[in-house]
């Protein structure tokens, strides 16, 4: 029976490692695409500013045209700011890809005793990505904390320790939290 449990844990950890490598590759591709988008937006903003400055010097243009250009400029600036935030986040993703250790190491360092249940729950929630962000709910990090400010760190070991405190306070054990997740697709 122990061999079966160890085999299942080993298979689960191997599958988890493969999914983590795939996610890092996908994140690197997303970083490259965001860099290209950011460069394109910067070029558009420079062109728009040039046109705006020319309009201000040319008295023949109407106020409506100036207003339209101001609105476009404001919108492009917002996009540029949003992309700059994404650029910073992508730097963190790249740094995270080089974090020492694996998810199994982080779980062990966090003092988790039920590694099997914790590994499965973490994989289902965030794929052990300390920078994971759920776009629809705003939950973030390895435990998918809501709001994100509860975590206060990008350190994976600290996030898993926080998650363990939450799991024990709400469910009493990792196994109970995982059972709830299986039943409800959230924990």
Foldseek 3Di string as FASTA:
>chain_A
DVVVVVVVLVVLVVVLVVVVVVVLVVLVVVLVVLVVVLVVLVVVLVVLVVVLVVVVVDPPDDPVVNVVSVVVNVVSVVVNVVSVVVNVLSVVSVVQVVDPDDLLVLLVLLVAPPSSLLSVLLCLPASLQQADADVVQRQGGSLSDPPPVVQVDSDSSSNSNVNQVVCCVPQNHSVRLSVVCVVPVHD
